[in-house]
Amino acid sequence: MLSVGGDDFSLRAIETVAGRRFSDGIFELYMKEDGTVDLLRDEKKIRSACRAE
């Protein structure tokens, strides 16, 4: 589950070579092996080096 601006989005796991990725077709969450997280919307990075909670 991804919460952005008070809205919740249900993401599903997608295949990746390293780390973990989740997407709903609009948002993509990429959890890197070092624990940092990048958030993309429509393939454009909108947040980087975040931490998952």
C-alpha atoms as a PDB file:
ATOM      1  CA  MET A   1       0.000   0.000   0.000  1.00  0.00           C
ATOM      2  CA  LEU A   2       1.321   3.439  -0.957  1.00  0.00           C
ATOM      3  CA  SER A   3      -0.009   6.607   0.698  1.00  0.00           C
ATOM      4  CA  VAL A   4       0.566   9.868  -1.181  1.00  0.00           C
ATOM      5  CA  GLY A   5      -1.066  13.163  -0.271  1.00  0.00           C
ATOM      6  CA  GLY A   6      -3.721  11.449   1.841  1.00  0.00           C
ATOM      7  CA  ASP A   7      -4.674   8.982  -0.915  1.00  0.00           C
ATOM      8  CA  ASP A   8      -3.892   5.252  -0.767  1.00  0.00           C
ATOM      9  CA  PHE A   9      -2.821   3.197  -3.779  1.00  0.00           C
ATOM     10  CA  SER A  10      -2.619  -0.590  -3.902  1.00  0.00           C
ATOM     11  CA  LEU A  11       0.613  -1.647  -5.616  1.00  0.00           C
ATOM     12  CA  ARG A  12       1.499  -5.143  -6.819  1.00  0.00           C
ATOM     13  CA  ALA A  13       4.962  -6.685  -6.990  1.00  0.00           C
ATOM     14  CA  ILE A  14       6.677  -6.671 -10.392  1.00  0.00           C
ATOM     15  CA  GLU A  15       9.782  -8.546 -11.530  1.00  0.00           C
ATOM     16  CA  THR A  16      13.187  -6.963 -11.064  1.00  0.00           C
ATOM     17  CA  VAL A  17      16.822  -8.043 -11.151  1.00  0.00           C
ATOM     18  CA  ALA A  18      17.803  -6.311  -7.901  1.00  0.00           C
ATOM     19  CA  GLY A  19      15.833  -4.805  -5.039  1.00  0.00           C
ATOM     20  CA  ARG A  20      12.028  -4.899  -5.050  1.00  0.00           C
ATOM     21  CA  ARG A  21       9.538  -3.091  -7.298  1.00  0.00           C
ATOM     22  CA  PHE A  22       5.835  -2.452  -6.912  1.00  0.00           C
ATOM     23  CA  SER A  23       3.451  -0.725  -9.333  1.00  0.00           C
ATOM     24  CA  ASP A  24      -0.183   0.054 -10.077  1.00  0.00           C
ATOM     25  CA  GLY A  25       0.467   1.251 -13.643  1.00  0.00           C
ATOM     26  CA  ILE A  26       0.800   4.891 -12.572  1.00  0.00           C
ATOM     27  CA  PHE A  27       3.000   4.822  -9.465  1.00  0.00           C
ATOM     28  CA  GLU A  28       6.115   2.687  -9.155  1.00  0.00           C
ATOM     29  CA  LEU A  29       7.957   2.110  -5.896  1.00  0.00           C
ATOM     30  CA  TYR A  30      11.538   0.840  -6.182  1.00  0.00           C
ATOM     31  CA  MET A  31      13.095  -0.449  -2.957  1.00  0.00           C
ATOM     32  CA  LYS A  32      16.853  -0.668  -3.468  1.00  0.00           C
ATOM     33  CA  GLU A  33      19.101  -3.213  -1.790  1.00  0.00           C
ATOM     34  CA  ASP A  34      20.610  -0.467   0.434  1.00  0.00           C
ATOM     35  CA  GLY A  35      17.148   0.237   1.905  1.00  0.00           C
ATOM     36  CA  THR A  36      16.464   3.495   0.084  1.00  0.00           C
ATOM     37  CA  VAL A  37      13.274   3.923  -1.931  1.00  0.00           C
ATOM     38  CA  ASP A  38      12.527   5.822  -5.145  1.00  0.00           C
ATOM     39  CA  LEU A  39       8.977   6.769  -6.099  1.00  0.00           C
ATOM     40  CA  LEU A  40       8.039   7.333  -9.736  1.00  0.00           C
ATOM     41  CA  ARG A  41       4.800   8.569 -11.275  1.00  0.00           C
ATOM     42  CA  ASP A  42       4.248   7.995 -14.980  1.00  0.00           C
ATOM     43  CA  GLU A  43       7.917   6.909 -15.244  1.00  0.00           C
ATOM     44  CA  LYS A  44       9.207  10.204 -13.751  1.00  0.00           C
ATOM     45  CA  LYS A  45      10.993  10.201 -10.408  1.00  0.00           C
ATOM     46  CA  ILE A  46       9.054  12.300  -7.898  1.00  0.00           C
ATOM     47  CA  ARG A  47      10.901  11.213  -4.720  1.00  0.00           C
ATOM     48  CA  SER A  48      14.279   9.585  -4.196  1.00  0.00           C
ATOM     49  CA  ALA A  49      16.373   8.251  -1.341  1.00  0.00           C
ATOM     50  CA  CYS A  50      13.275   7.854   0.877  1.00  0.00           C
ATOM     51  CA  ARG A  51      12.853   5.214   3.570  1.00  0.00           C
ATOM     52  CA  ALA A  52       9.988   2.704   3.733  1.00  0.00           C
ATOM     53  CA  GLU A  53       7.797   2.663   6.876  1.00  0.00           C
END
